[in-house]
Amino acid sequence: MKRILILAMAFCLTQANALTPKNGEEPTYCEQIVSVHGLLSKAQFECGYNKYNDELISDSAKCFQHELGEKYGKEVLMFGMKEFDRHVKEDGKEFTCKYILKEFPEYIGK
């Protein structure tokens, strides 16, 4: 899971429109996991991936339940989904889908 957090920070959490953490500092593990879950869920749907890591789904659900809550958790999840859209707008869908598949093979796949 550590690798996914590093990639997430590089891919979507360090942008100018980055998620503002609730604690005002660095994003928590849960904020990172849920935002990446949003990103990869949107990619799975848009790019036609058929494999998805159950651990990521489970960790995300736990984060909703134990740290983020339903309302804030949905905001974080939507942030990740919007990051997918932003990358598609900037880089194109084909490039974004290939990049995500290459960078997150242990979490998504064809």
PDB file of N, CA and C in Angstrom:
ATOM      1  N   MET A   1       0.825  -1.193   0.000  1.00  0.00           N
ATOM      2  CA  MET A   1       0.000   0.000   0.000  1.00  0.00           C
ATOM      3  C   MET A   1       0.872   1.261   0.000  1.00  0.00           C
ATOM      4  N   LYS A   2       2.084   1.157   0.516  1.00  0.00           N
ATOM      5  CA  LYS A   2       2.952   2.331   0.584  1.00  0.00           C
ATOM      6  C   LYS A   2       3.238   2.888  -0.813  1.00  0.00           C
ATOM      7  N   ARG A   3       3.460   2.011  -1.792  1.00  0.00           N
ATOM      8  CA  ARG A   3       3.752   2.451  -3.149  1.00  0.00           C
ATOM      9  C   ARG A   3       2.593   3.249  -3.735  1.00  0.00           C
ATOM     10  N   ILE A   4       1.384   2.808  -3.470  1.00  0.00           N
ATOM     11  CA  ILE A   4       0.225   3.517  -4.010  1.00  0.00           C
ATOM     12  C   ILE A   4       0.152   4.930  -3.456  1.00  0.00           C
ATOM     13  N   LEU A   5       0.518   5.106  -2.208  1.00  0.00           N
ATOM     14  CA  LEU A   5       0.457   6.434  -1.629  1.00  0.00           C
ATOM     15  C   LEU A   5       1.489   7.357  -2.254  1.00  0.00           C
ATOM     16  N   ILE A   6       2.653   6.854  -2.525  1.00  0.00           N
ATOM     17  CA  ILE A   6       3.691   7.650  -3.178  1.00  0.00           C
ATOM     18  C   ILE A   6       3.240   8.038  -4.581  1.00  0.00           C
ATOM     19  N   LEU A   7       2.706   7.083  -5.318  1.00  0.00           N
ATOM     20  CA  LEU A   7       2.215   7.377  -6.667  1.00  0.00           C
ATOM     21  C   LEU A   7       1.046   8.350  -6.635  1.00  0.00           C
ATOM     22  N   ALA A   8       0.170   8.180  -5.668  1.00  0.00           N
ATOM     23  CA  ALA A   8      -0.977   9.075  -5.560  1.00  0.00           C
ATOM     24  C   ALA A   8      -0.523  10.502  -5.317  1.00  0.00           C
ATOM     25  N   MET A   9       0.433  10.663  -4.445  1.00  0.00           N
ATOM     26  CA  MET A   9       0.940  11.994  -4.176  1.00  0.00           C
ATOM     27  C   MET A   9       1.498  12.605  -5.458  1.00  0.00           C
ATOM     28  N   ALA A  10       2.222  11.814  -6.220  1.00  0.00           N
ATOM     29  CA  ALA A  10       2.808  12.317  -7.462  1.00  0.00           C
ATOM     30  C   ALA A  10       1.745  12.575  -8.517  1.00  0.00           C
ATOM     31  N   PHE A  11       0.715  11.752  -8.557  1.00  0.00           N
ATOM     32  CA  PHE A  11      -0.277  11.837  -9.631  1.00  0.00           C
ATOM     33  C   PHE A  11      -1.358  12.872  -9.366  1.00  0.00           C
ATOM     34  N   CYS A  12      -1.847  12.947  -8.120  1.00  0.00           N
ATOM     35  CA  CYS A  12      -2.992  13.841  -7.952  1.00  0.00           C
ATOM     36  C   CYS A  12      -2.999  14.687  -6.695  1.00  0.00           C
ATOM     37  N   LEU A  13      -2.255  14.371  -5.708  1.00  0.00           N
ATOM     38  CA  LEU A  13      -2.374  15.133  -4.472  1.00  0.00           C
ATOM     39  C   LEU A  13      -1.388  16.283  -4.365  1.00  0.00           C
ATOM     40  N   THR A  14      -0.498  16.429  -5.306  1.00  0.00           N
ATOM     41  CA  THR A  14       0.466  17.512  -5.246  1.00  0.00           C
ATOM     42  C   THR A  14       0.178  18.594  -6.276  1.00  0.00           C
ATOM     43  N   GLN A  15      -0.933  18.520  -6.938  1.00  0.00           N
ATOM     44  CA  GLN A  15      -1.298  19.501  -7.949  1.00  0.00           C
ATOM     45  C   GLN A  15      -1.731  20.809  -7.285  1.00  0.00           C
ATOM     46  N   ALA A  16      -1.790  21.862  -8.066  1.00  0.00           N
ATOM     47  CA  ALA A  16      -2.198  23.162  -7.558  1.00  0.00           C
ATOM     48  C   ALA A  16      -3.609  23.111  -6.966  1.00  0.00           C
ATOM     49  N   ASN A  17      -4.459  22.268  -7.524  1.00  0.00           N
ATOM     50  CA  ASN A  17      -5.818  22.142  -7.013  1.00  0.00           C
ATOM     51  C   ASN A  17      -5.944  20.941  -6.084  1.00  0.00           C
ATOM     52  N   ALA A  18      -4.874  20.660  -5.376  1.00  0.00           N
ATOM     53  CA  ALA A  18      -4.813  19.484  -4.516  1.00  0.00           C
ATOM     54  C   ALA A  18      -5.859  19.528  -3.414  1.00  0.00           C
ATOM     55  N   LEU A  19      -6.192  18.365  -2.958  1.00  0.00           N
ATOM     56  CA  LEU A  19      -7.113  18.203  -1.849  1.00  0.00           C
ATOM     57  C   LEU A  19      -6.550  18.907  -0.624  1.00  0.00           C
ATOM     58  N   THR A  20      -7.347  19.729   0.001  1.00  0.00           N
ATOM     59  CA  THR A  20      -6.930  20.379   1.239  1.00  0.00           C
ATOM     60  C   THR A  20      -7.264  19.436   2.384  1.00  0.00           C
ATOM     61  N   PRO A  21      -6.238  18.911   3.044  1.00  0.00           N
ATOM     62  CA  PRO A  21      -6.487  17.965   4.126  1.00  0.00           C
ATOM     63  C   PRO A  21      -7.304  18.592   5.251  1.00  0.00           C
ATOM     64  N   LYS A  22      -8.118  17.798   5.883  1.00  0.00           N
ATOM     65  CA  LYS A  22      -8.969  18.268   6.968  1.00  0.00           C
ATOM     66  C   LYS A  22      -8.131  18.821   8.114  1.00  0.00           C
ATOM     67  N   ASN A  23      -6.941  18.235   8.331  1.00  0.00           N
ATOM     68  CA  ASN A  23      -6.088  18.683   9.431  1.00  0.00           C
ATOM     69  C   ASN A  23      -5.240  19.892   9.037  1.00  0.00           C
ATOM     70  N   GLY A  24      -5.353  20.339   7.786  1.00  0.00           N
ATOM     71  CA  GLY A  24      -4.628  21.509   7.327  1.00  0.00           C
ATOM     72  C   GLY A  24      -3.167  21.269   7.013  1.00  0.00           C
ATOM     73  N   GLU A  25      -2.716  20.037   7.149  1.00  0.00           N
ATOM     74  CA  GLU A  25      -1.310  19.716   6.908  1.00  0.00           C
ATOM     75  C   GLU A  25      -1.205  18.757   5.738  1.00  0.00           C
ATOM     76  N   GLU A  26      -0.555  17.648   5.942  1.00  0.00           N
ATOM     77  CA  GLU A  26      -0.430  16.609   4.916  1.00  0.00           C
ATOM     78  C   GLU A  26      -1.688  15.752   4.892  1.00  0.00           C
ATOM     79  N   PRO A  27      -2.064  15.254   3.718  1.00  0.00           N
ATOM     80  CA  PRO A  27      -3.216  14.344   3.663  1.00  0.00           C
ATOM     81  C   PRO A  27      -2.959  13.099   4.516  1.00  0.00           C
ATOM     82  N   THR A  28      -3.982  12.667   5.221  1.00  0.00           N
ATOM     83  CA  THR A  28      -3.860  11.455   6.025  1.00  0.00           C
ATOM     84  C   THR A  28      -3.832  10.238   5.111  1.00  0.00           C
ATOM     85  N   TYR A  29      -3.468   9.099   5.678  1.00  0.00           N
ATOM     86  CA  TYR A  29      -3.506   7.836   4.938  1.00  0.00           C
ATOM     87  C   TYR A  29      -4.888   7.650   4.319  1.00  0.00           C
ATOM     88  N   CYS A  30      -5.925   7.887   5.102  1.00  0.00           N
ATOM     89  CA  CYS A  30      -7.283   7.669   4.608  1.00  0.00           C
ATOM     90  C   CYS A  30      -7.645   8.643   3.492  1.00  0.00           C
ATOM     91  N   GLU A  31      -7.256   9.890   3.607  1.00  0.00           N
ATOM     92  CA  GLU A  31      -7.532  10.833   2.530  1.00  0.00           C
ATOM     93  C   GLU A  31      -6.830  10.401   1.247  1.00  0.00           C
ATOM     94  N   GLN A  32      -5.622   9.905   1.381  1.00  0.00           N
ATOM     95  CA  GLN A  32      -4.880   9.439   0.217  1.00  0.00           C
ATOM     96  C   GLN A  32      -5.537   8.202  -0.400  1.00  0.00           C
ATOM     97  N   ILE A  33      -5.850   7.232   0.439  1.00  0.00           N
ATOM     98  CA  ILE A  33      -6.438   5.977  -0.057  1.00  0.00           C
ATOM     99  C   ILE A  33      -7.779   6.228  -0.739  1.00  0.00           C
ATOM    100  N   VAL A  34      -8.633   7.010  -0.116  1.00  0.00           N
ATOM    101  CA  VAL A  34      -9.965   7.241  -0.677  1.00  0.00           C
ATOM    102  C   VAL A  34      -9.873   8.055  -1.966  1.00  0.00           C
ATOM    103  N   SER A  35      -8.976   9.031  -2.025  1.00  0.00           N
ATOM    104  CA  SER A  35      -8.844   9.796  -3.271  1.00  0.00           C
ATOM    105  C   SER A  35      -8.305   8.917  -4.393  1.00  0.00           C
ATOM    106  N   VAL A  36      -7.364   8.048  -4.083  1.00  0.00           N
ATOM    107  CA  VAL A  36      -6.844   7.126  -5.102  1.00  0.00           C
ATOM    108  C   VAL A  36      -7.923   6.128  -5.510  1.00  0.00           C
ATOM    109  N   HIS A  37      -8.724   5.695  -4.557  1.00  0.00           N
ATOM    110  CA  HIS A  37      -9.840   4.801  -4.877  1.00  0.00           C
ATOM    111  C   HIS A  37     -10.787   5.492  -5.861  1.00  0.00           C
ATOM    112  N   GLY A  38     -11.050   6.781  -5.650  1.00  0.00           N
ATOM    113  CA  GLY A  38     -11.881   7.531  -6.582  1.00  0.00           C
ATOM    114  C   GLY A  38     -11.253   7.614  -7.962  1.00  0.00           C
ATOM    115  N   LEU A  39      -9.968   7.922  -8.000  1.00  0.00           N
ATOM    116  CA  LEU A  39      -9.232   8.010  -9.259  1.00  0.00           C
ATOM    117  C   LEU A  39      -9.278   6.691 -10.010  1.00  0.00           C
ATOM    118  N   LEU A  40      -8.951   5.606  -9.322  1.00  0.00           N
ATOM    119  CA  LEU A  40      -8.882   4.302  -9.980  1.00  0.00           C
ATOM    120  C   LEU A  40     -10.260   3.743 -10.318  1.00  0.00           C
ATOM    121  N   SER A  41     -11.260   4.059  -9.513  1.00  0.00           N
ATOM    122  CA  SER A  41     -12.627   3.628  -9.828  1.00  0.00           C
ATOM    123  C   SER A  41     -13.107   4.287 -11.119  1.00  0.00           C
ATOM    124  N   LYS A  42     -12.848   5.569 -11.235  1.00  0.00           N
ATOM    125  CA  LYS A  42     -13.227   6.290 -12.454  1.00  0.00           C
ATOM    126  C   LYS A  42     -12.445   5.743 -13.645  1.00  0.00           C
ATOM    127  N   ALA A  43     -11.162   5.471 -13.430  1.00  0.00           N
ATOM    128  CA  ALA A  43     -10.337   4.905 -14.504  1.00  0.00           C
ATOM    129  C   ALA A  43     -10.850   3.525 -14.895  1.00  0.00           C
ATOM    130  N   GLN A  44     -11.225   2.721 -13.925  1.00  0.00           N
ATOM    131  CA  GLN A  44     -11.738   1.388 -14.228  1.00  0.00           C
ATOM    132  C   GLN A  44     -12.960   1.493 -15.136  1.00  0.00           C
ATOM    133  N   PHE A  45     -13.853   2.374 -14.818  1.00  0.00           N
ATOM    134  CA  PHE A  45     -15.072   2.546 -15.609  1.00  0.00           C
ATOM    135  C   PHE A  45     -14.761   3.127 -16.988  1.00  0.00           C
ATOM    136  N   GLU A  46     -13.991   4.194 -17.024  1.00  0.00           N
ATOM    137  CA  GLU A  46     -13.720   4.918 -18.271  1.00  0.00           C
ATOM    138  C   GLU A  46     -12.773   4.159 -19.205  1.00  0.00           C
ATOM    139  N   CYS A  47     -11.845   3.420 -18.627  1.00  0.00           N
ATOM    140  CA  CYS A  47     -10.811   2.755 -19.431  1.00  0.00           C
ATOM    141  C   CYS A  47     -11.129   1.290 -19.710  1.00  0.00           C
ATOM    142  N   GLY A  48     -12.185   0.766 -19.096  1.00  0.00           N
ATOM    143  CA  GLY A  48     -12.591  -0.607 -19.351  1.00  0.00           C
ATOM    144  C   GLY A  48     -11.752  -1.657 -18.643  1.00  0.00           C
ATOM    145  N   TYR A  49     -11.142  -1.294 -17.514  1.00  0.00           N
ATOM    146  CA  TYR A  49     -10.399  -2.293 -16.740  1.00  0.00           C
ATOM    147  C   TYR A  49     -11.392  -3.237 -16.082  1.00  0.00           C
ATOM    148  N   ASN A  50     -11.015  -4.506 -15.962  1.00  0.00           N
ATOM    149  CA  ASN A  50     -11.934  -5.455 -15.333  1.00  0.00           C
ATOM    150  C   ASN A  50     -11.386  -6.047 -14.039  1.00  0.00           C
ATOM    151  N   LYS A  51     -10.179  -5.692 -13.655  1.00  0.00           N
ATOM    152  CA  LYS A  51      -9.612  -6.157 -12.387  1.00  0.00           C
ATOM    153  C   LYS A  51      -9.453  -4.964 -11.452  1.00  0.00           C
ATOM    154  N   TYR A  52      -9.775  -5.180 -10.187  1.00  0.00           N
ATOM    155  CA  TYR A  52      -9.652  -4.116  -9.194  1.00  0.00           C
ATOM    156  C   TYR A  52      -9.276  -4.754  -7.867  1.00  0.00           C
ATOM    157  N   ASN A  53      -8.346  -4.169  -7.175  1.00  0.00           N
ATOM    158  CA  ASN A  53      -7.808  -4.721  -5.936  1.00  0.00           C
ATOM    159  C   ASN A  53      -8.820  -4.609  -4.792  1.00  0.00           C
ATOM    160  N   ASP A  54      -9.189  -5.741  -4.210  1.00  0.00           N
ATOM    161  CA  ASP A  54     -10.155  -5.763  -3.108  1.00  0.00           C
ATOM    162  C   ASP A  54      -9.619  -5.075  -1.856  1.00  0.00           C
ATOM    163  N   GLU A  55      -8.306  -5.097  -1.655  1.00  0.00           N
ATOM    164  CA  GLU A  55      -7.712  -4.448  -0.477  1.00  0.00           C
ATOM    165  C   GLU A  55      -7.959  -2.938  -0.509  1.00  0.00           C
ATOM    166  N   LEU A  56      -7.855  -2.350  -1.668  1.00  0.00           N
ATOM    167  CA  LEU A  56      -8.101  -0.917  -1.799  1.00  0.00           C
ATOM    168  C   LEU A  56      -9.561  -0.585  -1.480  1.00  0.00           C
ATOM    169  N   ILE A  57     -10.463  -1.397  -1.940  1.00  0.00           N
ATOM    170  CA  ILE A  57     -11.885  -1.206  -1.652  1.00  0.00           C
ATOM    171  C   ILE A  57     -12.139  -1.333  -0.158  1.00  0.00           C
ATOM    172  N   SER A  58     -11.558  -2.356   0.450  1.00  0.00           N
ATOM    173  CA  SER A  58     -11.731  -2.589   1.880  1.00  0.00           C
ATOM    174  C   SER A  58     -11.146  -1.459   2.720  1.00  0.00           C
ATOM    175  N   ASP A  59      -9.931  -1.037   2.387  1.00  0.00           N
ATOM    176  CA  ASP A  59      -9.301   0.054   3.137  1.00  0.00           C
ATOM    177  C   ASP A  59     -10.097   1.346   2.995  1.00  0.00           C
ATOM    178  N   SER A  60     -10.591   1.598   1.812  1.00  0.00           N
ATOM    179  CA  SER A  60     -11.391   2.797   1.578  1.00  0.00           C
ATOM    180  C   SER A  60     -12.668   2.769   2.423  1.00  0.00           C
ATOM    181  N   ALA A  61     -13.328   1.639   2.460  1.00  0.00           N
ATOM    182  CA  ALA A  61     -14.553   1.497   3.267  1.00  0.00           C
ATOM    183  C   ALA A  61     -14.257   1.718   4.750  1.00  0.00           C
ATOM    184  N   LYS A  62     -13.153   1.174   5.228  1.00  0.00           N
ATOM    185  CA  LYS A  62     -12.763   1.367   6.626  1.00  0.00           C
ATOM    186  C   LYS A  62     -12.505   2.838   6.920  1.00  0.00           C
ATOM    187  N   CYS A  63     -11.891   3.529   5.972  1.00  0.00           N
ATOM    188  CA  CYS A  63     -11.603   4.955   6.145  1.00  0.00           C
ATOM    189  C   CYS A  63     -12.892   5.769   6.229  1.00  0.00           C
ATOM    190  N   PHE A  64     -13.864   5.422   5.403  1.00  0.00           N
ATOM    191  CA  PHE A  64     -15.164   6.092   5.470  1.00  0.00           C
ATOM    192  C   PHE A  64     -15.748   5.897   6.870  1.00  0.00           C
ATOM    193  N   GLN A  65     -15.687   4.680   7.342  1.00  0.00           N
ATOM    194  CA  GLN A  65     -16.332   4.325   8.605  1.00  0.00           C
ATOM    195  C   GLN A  65     -15.610   4.896   9.820  1.00  0.00           C
ATOM    196  N   HIS A  66     -14.283   4.829   9.831  1.00  0.00           N
ATOM    197  CA  HIS A  66     -13.543   5.137  11.057  1.00  0.00           C
ATOM    198  C   HIS A  66     -12.898   6.515  11.112  1.00  0.00           C
ATOM    199  N   GLU A  67     -12.686   7.151   9.967  1.00  0.00           N
ATOM    200  CA  GLU A  67     -11.998   8.440  10.002  1.00  0.00           C
ATOM    201  C   GLU A  67     -12.744   9.552   9.268  1.00  0.00           C
ATOM    202  N   LEU A  68     -13.120   9.303   8.056  1.00  0.00           N
ATOM    203  CA  LEU A  68     -13.610  10.391   7.214  1.00  0.00           C
ATOM    204  C   LEU A  68     -15.093  10.702   7.379  1.00  0.00           C
ATOM    205  N   GLY A  69     -15.876   9.690   7.640  1.00  0.00           N
ATOM    206  CA  GLY A  69     -17.316   9.885   7.684  1.00  0.00           C
ATOM    207  C   GLY A  69     -17.889   9.903   6.280  1.00  0.00           C
ATOM    208  N   GLU A  70     -19.183   9.781   6.186  1.00  0.00           N
ATOM    209  CA  GLU A  70     -19.845   9.656   4.886  1.00  0.00           C
ATOM    210  C   GLU A  70     -19.714  10.927   4.047  1.00  0.00           C
ATOM    211  N   LYS A  71     -20.019  12.080   4.616  1.00  0.00           N
ATOM    212  CA  LYS A  71     -20.019  13.325   3.840  1.00  0.00           C
ATOM    213  C   LYS A  71     -18.614  13.684   3.360  1.00  0.00           C
ATOM    214  N   TYR A  72     -17.658  13.768   4.263  1.00  0.00           N
ATOM    215  CA  TYR A  72     -16.303  14.140   3.870  1.00  0.00           C
ATOM    216  C   TYR A  72     -15.667  13.048   3.001  1.00  0.00           C
ATOM    217  N   GLY A  73     -15.948  11.790   3.331  1.00  0.00           N
ATOM    218  CA  GLY A  73     -15.429  10.677   2.528  1.00  0.00           C
ATOM    219  C   GLY A  73     -15.862  10.786   1.074  1.00  0.00           C
ATOM    220  N   LYS A  74     -17.118  11.159   0.840  1.00  0.00           N
ATOM    221  CA  LYS A  74     -17.613  11.331  -0.529  1.00  0.00           C
ATOM    222  C   LYS A  74     -16.903  12.482  -1.227  1.00  0.00           C
ATOM    223  N   GLU A  75     -16.617  13.558  -0.492  1.00  0.00           N
ATOM    224  CA  GLU A  75     -15.871  14.681  -1.076  1.00  0.00           C
ATOM    225  C   GLU A  75     -14.489  14.230  -1.535  1.00  0.00           C
ATOM    226  N   VAL A  76     -13.821  13.444  -0.696  1.00  0.00           N
ATOM    227  CA  VAL A  76     -12.480  12.963  -1.021  1.00  0.00           C
ATOM    228  C   VAL A  76     -12.539  12.002  -2.207  1.00  0.00           C
ATOM    229  N   LEU A  77     -13.514  11.110  -2.205  1.00  0.00           N
ATOM    230  CA  LEU A  77     -13.699  10.175  -3.317  1.00  0.00           C
ATOM    231  C   LEU A  77     -13.948  10.937  -4.620  1.00  0.00           C
ATOM    232  N   MET A  78     -14.804  11.951  -4.568  1.00  0.00           N
ATOM    233  CA  MET A  78     -15.096  12.751  -5.758  1.00  0.00           C
ATOM    234  C   MET A  78     -13.866  13.527  -6.222  1.00  0.00           C
ATOM    235  N   PHE A  79     -13.028  13.952  -5.288  1.00  0.00           N
ATOM    236  CA  PHE A  79     -11.793  14.625  -5.659  1.00  0.00           C
ATOM    237  C   PHE A  79     -10.963  13.711  -6.550  1.00  0.00           C
ATOM    238  N   GLY A  80     -10.814  12.451  -6.143  1.00  0.00           N
ATOM    239  CA  GLY A  80     -10.052  11.496  -6.950  1.00  0.00           C
ATOM    240  C   GLY A  80     -10.657  11.292  -8.325  1.00  0.00           C
ATOM    241  N   MET A  81     -11.963  11.201  -8.394  1.00  0.00           N
ATOM    242  CA  MET A  81     -12.635  11.035  -9.681  1.00  0.00           C
ATOM    243  C   MET A  81     -12.415  12.250 -10.578  1.00  0.00           C
ATOM    244  N   LYS A  82     -12.485  13.434  -9.993  1.00  0.00           N
ATOM    245  CA  LYS A  82     -12.264  14.658 -10.760  1.00  0.00           C
ATOM    246  C   LYS A  82     -10.820  14.761 -11.235  1.00  0.00           C
ATOM    247  N   GLU A  83      -9.894  14.193 -10.474  1.00  0.00           N
ATOM    248  CA  GLU A  83      -8.495  14.188 -10.898  1.00  0.00           C
ATOM    249  C   GLU A  83      -8.324  13.350 -12.161  1.00  0.00           C
ATOM    250  N   PHE A  84      -9.057  12.238 -12.242  1.00  0.00           N
ATOM    251  CA  PHE A  84      -9.021  11.458 -13.482  1.00  0.00           C
ATOM    252  C   PHE A  84      -9.494  12.335 -14.647  1.00  0.00           C
ATOM    253  N   ASP A  85     -10.609  13.009 -14.450  1.00  0.00           N
ATOM    254  CA  ASP A  85     -11.152  13.874 -15.504  1.00  0.00           C
ATOM    255  C   ASP A  85     -10.167  14.977 -15.886  1.00  0.00           C
ATOM    256  N   ARG A  86      -9.503  15.542 -14.902  1.00  0.00           N
ATOM    257  CA  ARG A  86      -8.542  16.602 -15.166  1.00  0.00           C
ATOM    258  C   ARG A  86      -7.385  16.087 -16.005  1.00  0.00           C
ATOM    259  N   HIS A  87      -6.894  14.893 -15.672  1.00  0.00           N
ATOM    260  CA  HIS A  87      -5.790  14.310 -16.443  1.00  0.00           C
ATOM    261  C   HIS A  87      -6.230  13.982 -17.868  1.00  0.00           C
ATOM    262  N   VAL A  88      -7.445  13.513 -18.033  1.00  0.00           N
ATOM    263  CA  VAL A  88      -7.955  13.242 -19.380  1.00  0.00           C
ATOM    264  C   VAL A  88      -8.018  14.535 -20.181  1.00  0.00           C
ATOM    265  N   LYS A  89      -8.487  15.582 -19.549  1.00  0.00           N
ATOM    266  CA  LYS A  89      -8.570  16.877 -20.233  1.00  0.00           C
ATOM    267  C   LYS A  89      -7.184  17.384 -20.635  1.00  0.00           C
ATOM    268  N   GLU A  90      -6.202  17.206 -19.762  1.00  0.00           N
ATOM    269  CA  GLU A  90      -4.844  17.701 -20.016  1.00  0.00           C
ATOM    270  C   GLU A  90      -4.047  16.796 -20.960  1.00  0.00           C
ATOM    271  N   ASP A  91      -4.178  15.473 -20.789  1.00  0.00           N
ATOM    272  CA  ASP A  91      -3.305  14.529 -21.492  1.00  0.00           C
ATOM    273  C   ASP A  91      -4.020  13.629 -22.496  1.00  0.00           C
ATOM    274  N   GLY A  92      -5.331  13.644 -22.493  1.00  0.00           N
ATOM    275  CA  GLY A  92      -6.104  12.754 -23.353  1.00  0.00           C
ATOM    276  C   GLY A  92      -6.433  11.455 -22.636  1.00  0.00           C
ATOM    277  N   LYS A  93      -7.545  10.889 -23.016  1.00  0.00           N
ATOM    278  CA  LYS A  93      -8.032   9.673 -22.359  1.00  0.00           C
ATOM    279  C   LYS A  93      -7.107   8.484 -22.608  1.00  0.00           C
ATOM    280  N   GLU A  94      -6.687   8.291 -23.844  1.00  0.00           N
ATOM    281  CA  GLU A  94      -5.844   7.133 -24.157  1.00  0.00           C
ATOM    282  C   GLU A  94      -4.544   7.158 -23.343  1.00  0.00           C
ATOM    283  N   PHE A  95      -3.882   8.301 -23.312  1.00  0.00           N
ATOM    284  CA  PHE A  95      -2.636   8.420 -22.555  1.00  0.00           C
ATOM    285  C   PHE A  95      -2.881   8.183 -21.068  1.00  0.00           C
ATOM    286  N   THR A  96      -3.926   8.812 -20.531  1.00  0.00           N
ATOM    287  CA  THR A  96      -4.227   8.686 -19.101  1.00  0.00           C
ATOM    288  C   THR A  96      -4.519   7.239 -18.731  1.00  0.00           C
ATOM    289  N   CYS A  97      -5.312   6.557 -19.530  1.00  0.00           N
ATOM    290  CA  CYS A  97      -5.634   5.152 -19.250  1.00  0.00           C
ATOM    291  C   CYS A  97      -4.388   4.276 -19.285  1.00  0.00           C
ATOM    292  N   LYS A  98      -3.538   4.480 -20.269  1.00  0.00           N
ATOM    293  CA  LYS A  98      -2.302   3.701 -20.359  1.00  0.00           C
ATOM    294  C   LYS A  98      -1.378   3.996 -19.188  1.00  0.00           C
ATOM    295  N   TYR A  99      -1.271   5.259 -18.831  1.00  0.00           N
ATOM    296  CA  TYR A  99      -0.396   5.663 -17.724  1.00  0.00           C
ATOM    297  C   TYR A  99      -0.857   5.044 -16.408  1.00  0.00           C
ATOM    298  N   ILE A 100      -2.149   5.129 -16.137  1.00  0.00           N
ATOM    299  CA  ILE A 100      -2.683   4.579 -14.888  1.00  0.00           C
ATOM    300  C   ILE A 100      -2.488   3.069 -14.852  1.00  0.00           C
ATOM    301  N   LEU A 101      -2.749   2.400 -15.945  1.00  0.00           N
ATOM    302  CA  LEU A 101      -2.554   0.949 -16.007  1.00  0.00           C
ATOM    303  C   LEU A 101      -1.093   0.585 -15.741  1.00  0.00           C
ATOM    304  N   LYS A 102      -0.184   1.364 -16.296  1.00  0.00           N
ATOM    305  CA  LYS A 102       1.246   1.120 -16.110  1.00  0.00           C
ATOM    306  C   LYS A 102       1.684   1.393 -14.667  1.00  0.00           C
ATOM    307  N   GLU A 103       1.177   2.457 -14.069  1.00  0.00           N
ATOM    308  CA  GLU A 103       1.625   2.877 -12.741  1.00  0.00           C
ATOM    309  C   GLU A 103       0.944   2.145 -11.585  1.00  0.00           C
ATOM    310  N   PHE A 104      -0.215   1.575 -11.804  1.00  0.00           N
ATOM    311  CA  PHE A 104      -0.974   0.940 -10.728  1.00  0.00           C
ATOM    312  C   PHE A 104      -1.339  -0.508 -11.054  1.00  0.00           C
ATOM    313  N   PRO A 105      -0.395  -1.332 -11.568  1.00  0.00           N
ATOM    314  CA  PRO A 105      -0.770  -2.688 -12.008  1.00  0.00           C
ATOM    315  C   PRO A 105      -1.211  -3.608 -10.876  1.00  0.00           C
ATOM    316  N   GLU A 106      -0.813  -3.320  -9.657  1.00  0.00           N
ATOM    317  CA  GLU A 106      -1.239  -4.186  -8.561  1.00  0.00           C
ATOM    318  C   GLU A 106      -2.634  -3.823  -8.039  1.00  0.00           C
ATOM    319  N   TYR A 107      -3.222  -2.756  -8.586  1.00  0.00           N
ATOM    320  CA  TYR A 107      -4.542  -2.323  -8.132  1.00  0.00           C
ATOM    321  C   TYR A 107      -5.622  -2.407  -9.193  1.00  0.00           C
ATOM    322  N   ILE A 108      -5.241  -2.295 -10.473  1.00  0.00           N
ATOM    323  CA  ILE A 108      -6.199  -2.374 -11.575  1.00  0.00           C
ATOM    324  C   ILE A 108      -5.580  -3.185 -12.709  1.00  0.00           C
ATOM    325  N   GLY A 109      -6.401  -3.664 -13.602  1.00  0.00           N
ATOM    326  CA  GLY A 109      -5.869  -4.420 -14.735  1.00  0.00           C
ATOM    327  C   GLY A 109      -6.948  -4.728 -15.752  1.00  0.00           C
ATOM    328  N   LYS A 110      -6.491  -5.210 -16.893  1.00  0.00           N
ATOM    329  CA  LYS A 110      -7.395  -5.597 -17.974  1.00  0.00           C
ATOM    330  C   LYS A 110      -7.674  -7.068 -17.914  1.00  0.00           C
TER     331      LYS A 110
END
